[in-house]
Amino acid sequence: MNKNGYYGQYGGAYLPEILVSTFEELTSAFELAKADPEFWNEYEELMKTYSCRPTPLTLAENLTAYLGGARIYVKREDLNHTGAHKANNVMGQGLLVKRLGKKRVIAETGAGQHGVATATMAAKFGFKCTIYMGAKDVDRQRPNVFWMKRLGAEVVPVNQGTKVLKDAINEAFRDWVTNMDDTHYVLGTACGPHPFPEMVSYFQSIIGQEAREQILAREDRLPDRVYACVGGGSNAMGIFSGFLDDPVELVGVEAGGKGLQSGQHASRLCSDDASPGVAQGYKTWFLQNDEGQMKDTHSIAAGLDYVGVSPILAELHQQKRVRFSAATDKEVLDAMELTMKKEGLIPALESAHAFAKAFEEAPQMSPGELIIINQSGRGDKDIFTIADAFEDPEWKAFIREKAERYHA
């Protein structure tokens, strides 16, 4: 990265004049924190005592035996507090907010996990909290909306645009422009203007640091491949960062939706529907038409249907340091079902994209090879979406009965 926040040709900070001083303040605070060993020590202690870190690295013995080929390990970010990797970033940014002396935080959320994590952080540190969430995501992630509100956050449904994550980000930026003096925007993924891609990746790097130490302790060697799902890119950057300088193949799995030829997907780096552009304050690959208008996205996983991707991952893709692929909705559901029945693990729909690709490729590897799958979150939160996707008749009957009771 250069001093202007570019990773090769991607990244940067394309800002309205009114936000320049706020970003300069944030960048300065982040640089000072990085240079202070006590800041990282404080962060690690907080994550250890409040968020159950380090999360374990689990050998998936049953899946390994069933699939044949490589030994499969799972990095268990689902056991992080709030049920996903999102807590790593928000707690780090919360410590920065304390240094900045601000009293209010805002955030965008898609699947709701970042929203719950931000609301949790705000409750922990005593900040006021507002969460912007696309109205479509509010409907399909209602349990997370419930928890955000119970934690004391205001949840604002966004009805503009396609009513998903990109629209929530736009509304959060509008809020920040109006309330810069006392408010910090806790951006949830490794996207947006500099320093957010670097900052989010910095806090999420705790995943990769732990995974590297854990696999060496267990196997006395590094893995051959590491798999992670890719929406904006925070969990992928988190685990990949531990192995970027090693001879380890890194595989990012995007949302293939109903297929890359269907136009109903959210794949930026391995489809023909994306191109480089500038939006939401930075340059990267976006799903856009020839006139630069953003396309609609689709994924069974609300956390992966973002229209752009981390500029860091865009550069790693260009360098061929990370290999990108996609998993369809059907492949994701099949992988999720197999993981539940063989290991008793319930990956989030987002995480299940990484499982799907690993399950496809593991049998072609030798028994002496090792892979790590980053289980970035747990699937409990997706019970409504998952039950609908599996067309579970008992679940449908339960919902009907519940609705009838409410209307009685």
Protein backbone atom coordinates (compact mmCIF):
# COMPACT_ATOMS: atom_id res chain seq x y z
CA MET A 1 0.00 0.00 0.00
CA ASN A 2 1.26 3.50 -0.77
CA LYS A 3 0.77 6.54 1.46
CA ASN A 4 -2.49 7.45 -0.31
CA GLY A 5 -4.10 4.12 0.48
CA TYR A 6 -3.71 2.48 -2.93
CA TYR A 7 -3.04 -1.22 -3.41
CA GLY A 8 -1.67 -1.17 -6.92
CA GLN A 9 -4.36 0.69 -8.84
CA TYR A 10 -7.13 -0.04 -6.32
CA GLY A 11 -8.22 1.74 -3.16
CA GLY A 12 -7.64 5.41 -2.44
CA ALA A 13 -9.98 7.88 -0.77
CA TYR A 14 -12.43 9.67 -3.06
CA LEU A 15 -14.07 11.97 -0.55
CA PRO A 16 -16.32 15.03 -0.51
CA GLU A 17 -14.47 18.01 0.93
CA ILE A 18 -16.62 17.97 4.05
CA LEU A 19 -15.25 14.53 5.07
CA VAL A 20 -11.55 15.15 4.43
CA SER A 21 -10.70 16.44 7.91
CA THR A 22 -12.62 13.58 9.57
CA PHE A 23 -10.67 11.01 7.57
CA GLU A 24 -7.39 12.75 8.33
CA GLU A 25 -8.25 12.59 12.04
CA LEU A 26 -9.15 8.89 11.78
CA THR A 27 -6.04 8.03 9.77
CA SER A 28 -3.80 9.83 12.26
CA ALA A 29 -5.43 8.07 15.24
CA PHE A 30 -5.10 4.68 13.55
CA GLU A 31 -1.43 5.22 12.65
CA LEU A 32 -0.63 6.24 16.23
CA ALA A 33 -2.48 3.19 17.58
CA LYS A 34 -0.61 0.82 15.24
CA ALA A 35 2.69 2.29 16.36
CA ASP A 36 1.81 1.78 20.03
CA PRO A 37 2.47 -1.82 21.20
CA GLU A 38 0.19 -1.23 24.17
CA PHE A 39 -2.77 -0.68 21.84
CA TRP A 40 -2.50 -4.18 20.32
CA ASN A 41 -1.92 -5.64 23.78
CA GLU A 42 -5.09 -3.91 25.01
CA TYR A 43 -6.95 -5.20 21.96
CA GLU A 44 -5.78 -8.80 22.44
CA GLU A 45 -6.67 -8.71 26.13
CA LEU A 46 -10.13 -7.38 25.34
CA MET A 47 -10.72 -10.11 22.75
CA LYS A 48 -9.41 -12.75 25.12
CA THR A 49 -11.54 -11.75 28.10
CA TYR A 50 -14.68 -10.55 26.29
CA SER A 51 -14.81 -12.50 23.05
CA CYS A 52 -13.37 -15.95 23.80
CA ARG A 53 -10.23 -15.65 21.70
CA PRO A 54 -8.30 -17.50 20.53
CA THR A 55 -11.00 -19.37 18.65
CA PRO A 56 -10.14 -23.04 18.12
CA LEU A 57 -8.87 -24.78 14.99
CA THR A 58 -10.98 -27.94 14.68
CA LEU A 59 -9.93 -31.05 12.77
CA ALA A 60 -12.97 -32.18 10.75
CA GLU A 61 -12.23 -35.90 10.98
CA ASN A 62 -15.57 -37.12 9.66
CA LEU A 63 -15.56 -34.85 6.64
CA THR A 64 -11.95 -35.78 5.92
CA ALA A 65 -12.84 -39.47 5.97
CA TYR A 66 -16.02 -38.97 3.94
CA LEU A 67 -14.49 -36.84 1.19
CA GLY A 68 -11.08 -38.47 1.05
CA GLY A 69 -8.04 -36.48 0.05
CA ALA A 70 -6.76 -33.59 2.15
CA ARG A 71 -7.12 -33.32 5.93
CA ILE A 72 -9.67 -30.62 6.69
CA TYR A 73 -9.35 -28.10 9.51
CA VAL A 74 -11.96 -25.47 10.39
CA LYS A 75 -11.10 -22.11 11.98
CA ARG A 76 -13.99 -21.52 14.37
CA GLU A 77 -14.91 -17.84 14.14
CA ASP A 78 -18.48 -18.94 14.86
CA LEU A 79 -17.37 -19.23 18.51
CA ASN A 80 -16.32 -15.58 18.62
CA HIS A 81 -18.67 -13.39 20.68
CA THR A 82 -21.80 -12.43 18.67
CA GLY A 83 -21.28 -15.52 16.53
CA ALA A 84 -18.95 -14.30 13.78
CA HIS A 85 -15.64 -12.68 12.93
CA LYS A 86 -17.31 -9.26 12.97
CA ALA A 87 -16.51 -8.69 16.66
CA ASN A 88 -12.77 -8.59 15.86
CA ASN A 89 -13.14 -5.41 13.84
CA VAL A 90 -15.78 -3.59 15.88
CA MET A 91 -13.99 -4.04 19.20
CA GLY A 92 -10.79 -2.68 17.67
CA GLN A 93 -12.61 0.29 16.21
CA GLY A 94 -14.34 0.77 19.56
CA LEU A 95 -10.95 1.25 21.23
CA LEU A 96 -10.13 3.83 18.54
CA VAL A 97 -13.42 5.64 19.18
CA LYS A 98 -12.45 5.91 22.83
CA ARG A 99 -9.14 7.48 21.79
CA LEU A 100 -10.97 9.89 19.49
CA GLY A 101 -13.30 10.90 22.31
CA LYS A 102 -16.49 10.39 20.28
CA LYS A 103 -19.75 9.29 21.86
CA ARG A 104 -21.79 7.84 18.99
CA VAL A 105 -21.20 5.08 16.44
CA ILE A 106 -23.04 4.23 13.24
CA ALA A 107 -22.73 1.19 11.01
CA GLU A 108 -24.14 -0.56 7.97
CA THR A 109 -25.08 -4.21 8.01
CA GLY A 110 -26.23 -6.82 5.51
CA ALA A 111 -26.61 -10.20 7.18
CA GLY A 112 -26.93 -8.41 10.50
CA GLN A 113 -23.85 -9.88 12.15
CA HIS A 114 -21.88 -6.64 11.84
CA GLY A 115 -24.87 -4.77 13.16
CA VAL A 116 -25.18 -7.03 16.19
CA ALA A 117 -21.44 -6.81 16.81
CA THR A 118 -21.50 -3.00 16.59
CA ALA A 119 -24.52 -2.77 18.91
CA THR A 120 -22.70 -5.08 21.33
CA MET A 121 -19.57 -2.94 21.22
CA ALA A 122 -21.62 0.21 21.76
CA ALA A 123 -23.28 -1.33 24.80
CA LYS A 124 -19.89 -2.43 26.16
CA PHE A 125 -18.28 1.02 25.74
CA GLY A 126 -21.35 3.17 26.41
CA PHE A 127 -21.79 4.69 22.94
CA LYS A 128 -25.03 5.70 21.26
CA CYS A 129 -25.58 3.49 18.23
CA THR A 130 -27.48 3.66 14.92
CA ILE A 131 -27.47 0.78 12.42
CA TYR A 132 -28.47 1.17 8.76
CA MET A 133 -29.81 -1.96 7.10
CA GLY A 134 -31.39 -2.52 3.70
CA ALA A 135 -35.13 -3.15 4.04
CA LYS A 136 -34.74 -6.42 2.12
CA ASP A 137 -32.14 -7.58 4.64
CA VAL A 138 -34.30 -6.43 7.57
CA ASP A 139 -37.00 -8.82 6.34
CA ARG A 140 -34.72 -11.83 5.88
CA GLN A 141 -32.57 -11.26 8.98
CA ARG A 142 -35.29 -10.36 11.50
CA PRO A 143 -33.67 -12.22 14.46
CA ASN A 144 -30.57 -10.02 14.18
CA VAL A 145 -32.74 -6.89 13.99
CA PHE A 146 -34.41 -8.03 17.22
CA TRP A 147 -31.05 -8.38 18.97
CA MET A 148 -29.69 -5.06 17.73
CA LYS A 149 -32.70 -3.28 19.18
CA ARG A 150 -32.53 -5.19 22.46
CA LEU A 151 -28.88 -4.17 22.74
CA GLY A 152 -29.98 -0.55 22.59
CA ALA A 153 -29.28 0.34 18.95
CA GLU A 154 -31.58 2.23 16.64
CA VAL A 155 -32.11 0.20 13.46
CA VAL A 156 -32.98 2.23 10.36
CA PRO A 157 -34.40 0.27 7.38
CA VAL A 158 -33.13 1.65 4.06
CA ASN A 159 -35.75 1.66 1.31
CA GLN A 160 -33.65 3.32 -1.39
CA GLY A 161 -32.08 1.46 -4.31
CA THR A 162 -32.17 -2.31 -4.13
CA LYS A 163 -32.61 -2.19 -0.33
CA VAL A 164 -29.45 -4.21 0.44
CA LEU A 165 -25.94 -3.61 1.76
CA LYS A 166 -24.67 -1.02 -0.72
CA ASP A 167 -27.73 1.14 0.00
CA ALA A 168 -27.14 0.82 3.76
CA ILE A 169 -23.55 2.02 3.26
CA ASN A 170 -24.78 5.05 1.32
CA GLU A 171 -27.17 6.01 4.14
CA ALA A 172 -24.47 5.55 6.78
CA PHE A 173 -22.19 7.93 4.91
CA ARG A 174 -25.01 10.49 4.69
CA ASP A 175 -25.43 10.30 8.45
CA TRP A 176 -21.70 10.69 9.03
CA VAL A 177 -21.51 13.84 6.89
CA THR A 178 -24.14 15.41 9.14
CA ASN A 179 -22.73 14.23 12.48
CA MET A 180 -18.94 14.10 12.08
CA ASP A 181 -18.07 15.91 15.31
CA ASP A 182 -19.41 13.29 17.73
CA THR A 183 -19.88 10.22 15.48
CA HIS A 184 -17.61 7.48 14.14
CA TYR A 185 -18.65 5.25 11.25
CA VAL A 186 -17.75 1.63 12.10
CA LEU A 187 -17.42 0.33 8.54
CA GLY A 188 -17.78 -3.43 8.70
CA THR A 189 -15.72 -4.75 5.82
CA ALA A 190 -12.34 -4.16 4.17
CA CYS A 191 -13.78 -1.72 1.65
CA GLY A 192 -14.48 2.00 1.47
CA PRO A 193 -12.06 4.93 1.51
CA HIS A 194 -8.61 4.70 3.09
CA PRO A 195 -7.91 3.90 5.95
CA PHE A 196 -10.87 1.50 6.27
CA PRO A 197 -9.54 -1.38 4.10
CA GLU A 198 -6.25 -1.35 5.99
CA MET A 199 -7.86 -0.81 9.39
CA VAL A 200 -10.45 -3.57 9.10
CA SER A 201 -7.81 -6.00 7.76
CA TYR A 202 -5.51 -5.04 10.65
CA PHE A 203 -8.06 -5.99 13.30
CA GLN A 204 -9.20 -9.11 11.43
CA SER A 205 -5.58 -10.29 11.06
CA ILE A 206 -5.94 -11.83 14.51
CA ILE A 207 -7.70 -14.73 12.73
CA GLY A 208 -4.74 -15.50 10.50
CA GLN A 209 -2.18 -15.03 13.28
CA GLU A 210 -3.99 -17.57 15.42
CA ALA A 211 -4.63 -20.03 12.59
CA ARG A 212 -0.97 -20.01 11.58
CA GLU A 213 0.21 -20.71 15.13
CA GLN A 214 -2.46 -23.37 15.65
CA ILE A 215 -1.76 -25.38 12.49
CA LEU A 216 1.98 -25.32 13.19
CA ALA A 217 1.33 -26.57 16.72
CA ARG A 218 -0.97 -29.33 15.47
CA GLU A 219 0.82 -30.46 12.32
CA ASP A 220 4.28 -28.89 12.53
CA ARG A 221 3.73 -27.52 9.04
CA LEU A 222 1.69 -24.94 7.16
CA PRO A 223 -1.52 -25.78 5.28
CA ASP A 224 -1.51 -26.29 1.54
CA ARG A 225 -4.68 -24.26 1.01
CA VAL A 226 -6.85 -21.81 2.96
CA TYR A 227 -10.47 -21.16 1.97
CA ALA A 228 -12.64 -18.18 2.89
CA CYS A 229 -15.88 -16.73 1.59
CA VAL A 230 -15.66 -13.26 0.04
CA GLY A 231 -18.28 -10.53 0.24
CA GLY A 232 -16.55 -7.26 1.02
CA GLY A 233 -13.57 -9.28 2.17
CA SER A 234 -13.04 -8.85 5.92
CA ASN A 235 -12.97 -12.50 7.01
CA ALA A 236 -10.90 -13.46 3.96
CA MET A 237 -8.35 -10.73 4.62
CA GLY A 238 -8.33 -11.81 8.26
CA ILE A 239 -7.31 -15.40 7.68
CA PHE A 240 -5.31 -14.83 4.48
CA SER A 241 -3.09 -12.28 6.24
CA GLY A 242 -1.54 -15.04 8.32
CA PHE A 243 -0.26 -16.81 5.20
CA LEU A 244 0.40 -14.11 2.58
CA ASP A 245 4.17 -14.48 2.86
CA ASP A 246 4.08 -18.28 2.84
CA PRO A 247 3.85 -20.83 0.00
CA VAL A 248 0.16 -21.44 0.80
CA GLU A 249 -2.59 -21.29 -1.82
CA LEU A 250 -5.33 -18.84 -0.81
CA VAL A 251 -8.83 -19.38 -2.22
CA GLY A 252 -11.57 -16.76 -2.03
CA VAL A 253 -15.11 -17.96 -2.73
CA GLU A 254 -17.68 -15.46 -3.97
CA ALA A 255 -21.47 -15.74 -4.17
CA GLY A 256 -22.35 -17.56 -7.37
CA GLY A 257 -26.06 -17.18 -6.66
CA LYS A 258 -28.09 -18.84 -9.38
CA GLY A 259 -25.03 -19.21 -11.61
CA LEU A 260 -22.51 -16.84 -13.14
CA GLN A 261 -24.36 -16.85 -16.47
CA SER A 262 -27.71 -16.05 -14.86
CA GLY A 263 -26.97 -12.43 -13.96
CA GLN A 264 -28.23 -13.28 -10.46
CA HIS A 265 -25.06 -13.49 -8.40
CA ALA A 266 -22.59 -11.31 -6.50
CA SER A 267 -19.31 -12.39 -8.07
CA ARG A 268 -16.96 -9.52 -8.85
CA LEU A 269 -13.60 -11.19 -9.46
CA CYS A 270 -14.54 -14.38 -11.30
CA SER A 271 -17.46 -13.28 -13.47
CA ASP A 272 -17.73 -11.22 -16.66
CA ASP A 273 -20.25 -8.82 -15.10
CA ALA A 274 -17.82 -6.63 -13.12
CA SER A 275 -15.26 -3.99 -14.05
CA PRO A 276 -13.00 -1.50 -12.23
CA GLY A 277 -14.67 1.70 -11.11
CA VAL A 278 -14.98 4.27 -8.36
CA ALA A 279 -17.92 4.27 -5.94
CA GLN A 280 -18.53 4.78 -2.23
CA GLY A 281 -15.19 6.52 -1.85
CA TYR A 282 -12.74 4.01 -3.37
CA LYS A 283 -11.68 2.19 -6.53
CA THR A 284 -12.17 -1.53 -6.99
CA TRP A 285 -14.10 -4.07 -9.09
CA PHE A 286 -17.83 -3.40 -9.05
CA LEU A 287 -20.78 -5.17 -10.61
CA GLN A 288 -21.74 -2.34 -12.94
CA ASN A 289 -22.91 -1.69 -16.46
CA ASP A 290 -21.03 0.17 -19.21
CA GLU A 291 -22.34 3.49 -17.88
CA GLY A 292 -21.10 2.82 -14.34
CA GLN A 293 -24.54 2.11 -12.90
CA MET A 294 -24.45 -0.57 -10.21
CA LYS A 295 -26.20 -3.82 -11.04
CA ASP A 296 -28.54 -5.76 -8.81
CA THR A 297 -26.92 -8.59 -6.89
CA HIS A 298 -28.21 -11.89 -5.59
CA SER A 299 -27.04 -14.37 -3.00
CA ILE A 300 -28.74 -16.71 -0.61
CA ALA A 301 -26.33 -15.19 1.94
CA ALA A 302 -27.20 -11.59 2.81
CA GLY A 303 -23.62 -10.91 3.87
CA LEU A 304 -22.16 -11.68 0.43
CA ASP A 305 -24.37 -9.68 -1.91
CA TYR A 306 -22.26 -6.51 -1.86
CA VAL A 307 -21.69 -4.92 -5.25
CA GLY A 308 -17.94 -4.29 -4.70
CA VAL A 309 -14.96 -6.04 -3.14
CA SER A 310 -11.98 -5.08 -1.01
CA PRO A 311 -9.34 -3.17 -3.00
CA ILE A 312 -6.72 -5.29 -1.25
CA LEU A 313 -8.29 -8.47 -2.62
CA ALA A 314 -8.64 -6.86 -6.04
CA GLU A 315 -4.89 -6.27 -6.07
CA LEU A 316 -4.12 -9.77 -4.74
CA HIS A 317 -6.33 -11.13 -7.53
CA GLN A 318 -4.40 -9.12 -10.12
CA GLN A 319 -1.13 -10.39 -8.67
CA LYS A 320 -2.56 -13.93 -8.80
CA ARG A 321 -1.73 -14.31 -5.11
CA VAL A 322 -5.33 -15.26 -4.30
CA ARG A 323 -7.39 -17.57 -6.50
CA PHE A 324 -11.07 -16.68 -6.73
CA SER A 325 -14.01 -18.93 -7.51
CA ALA A 326 -17.75 -18.96 -6.84
CA ALA A 327 -20.29 -21.29 -5.25
CA THR A 328 -23.95 -21.36 -6.24
CA ASP A 329 -26.83 -21.20 -3.78
CA LYS A 330 -27.50 -24.91 -4.29
CA GLU A 331 -23.87 -25.88 -3.73
CA VAL A 332 -23.88 -23.80 -0.55
CA LEU A 333 -26.98 -25.50 0.85
CA ASP A 334 -25.57 -28.95 0.00
CA ALA A 335 -22.28 -28.11 1.74
CA MET A 336 -24.07 -26.73 4.76
CA GLU A 337 -26.21 -29.85 5.11
CA LEU A 338 -23.18 -32.12 4.78
CA THR A 339 -21.23 -30.14 7.39
CA MET A 340 -24.09 -30.29 9.87
CA LYS A 341 -24.67 -34.00 9.47
CA LYS A 342 -21.01 -35.06 9.41
CA GLU A 343 -19.48 -32.69 11.99
CA GLY A 344 -22.30 -31.13 13.99
CA LEU A 345 -21.11 -27.71 12.86
CA ILE A 346 -23.61 -25.12 11.59
CA PRO A 347 -21.79 -22.68 9.32
CA ALA A 348 -23.43 -19.41 8.33
CA LEU A 349 -24.66 -19.31 4.74
CA GLU A 350 -21.78 -16.95 4.01
CA SER A 351 -19.18 -19.34 5.44
CA ALA A 352 -20.79 -22.29 3.67
CA HIS A 353 -19.54 -20.85 0.36
CA ALA A 354 -15.99 -21.61 1.49
CA PHE A 355 -17.01 -25.09 2.63
CA ALA A 356 -18.64 -25.77 -0.75
CA LYS A 357 -15.50 -25.02 -2.75
CA ALA A 358 -13.25 -26.87 -0.29
CA PHE A 359 -15.50 -29.94 -0.51
CA GLU A 360 -15.29 -29.84 -4.30
CA GLU A 361 -11.49 -29.68 -4.32
CA ALA A 362 -10.37 -31.66 -1.25
CA PRO A 363 -10.97 -35.12 -2.83
CA GLN A 364 -8.49 -34.25 -5.63
CA MET A 365 -5.77 -33.54 -3.07
CA SER A 366 -3.55 -36.15 -1.41
CA PRO A 367 -4.10 -37.45 2.15
CA GLY A 368 -0.82 -35.80 3.12
CA GLU A 369 -2.10 -32.32 2.28
CA LEU A 370 -3.86 -29.93 4.65
CA ILE A 371 -6.56 -27.32 4.16
CA ILE A 372 -8.13 -24.76 6.48
CA ILE A 373 -11.67 -23.46 6.00
CA ASN A 374 -12.57 -20.23 7.77
CA GLN A 375 -15.98 -20.70 9.40
CA SER A 376 -16.57 -16.97 9.60
CA GLY A 377 -19.92 -17.26 11.36
CA ARG A 378 -22.59 -19.58 12.71
CA GLY A 379 -25.81 -20.48 10.92
CA ASP A 380 -28.27 -20.00 13.78
CA LYS A 381 -28.96 -16.46 12.60
CA ASP A 382 -30.05 -17.75 9.19
CA ILE A 383 -32.72 -20.13 10.45
CA PHE A 384 -35.56 -18.39 8.59
CA THR A 385 -33.65 -18.25 5.30
CA ILE A 386 -32.24 -21.76 5.70
CA ALA A 387 -35.58 -23.32 6.60
CA ASP A 388 -37.19 -21.65 3.58
CA ALA A 389 -34.35 -22.76 1.31
CA PHE A 390 -34.67 -26.36 2.48
CA GLU A 391 -38.46 -26.07 2.11
CA ASP A 392 -38.87 -27.62 5.55
CA PRO A 393 -42.60 -28.47 5.91
CA GLU A 394 -42.52 -28.62 9.71
CA TRP A 395 -40.95 -25.16 9.85
CA LYS A 396 -43.59 -23.76 7.52
CA ALA A 397 -46.32 -25.27 9.70
CA PHE A 398 -44.72 -23.75 12.80
CA ILE A 399 -44.59 -20.29 11.20
CA ARG A 400 -48.22 -20.53 10.09
CA GLU A 401 -49.28 -21.56 13.58
CA LYS A 402 -47.26 -18.75 15.12
CA ALA A 403 -48.82 -16.21 12.73
CA GLU A 404 -52.30 -17.44 13.56
CA ARG A 405 -51.62 -16.96 17.27
CA TYR A 406 -50.50 -13.38 16.67
CA HIS A 407 -53.67 -12.68 14.71
CA ALA A 408 -55.98 -14.38 17.20
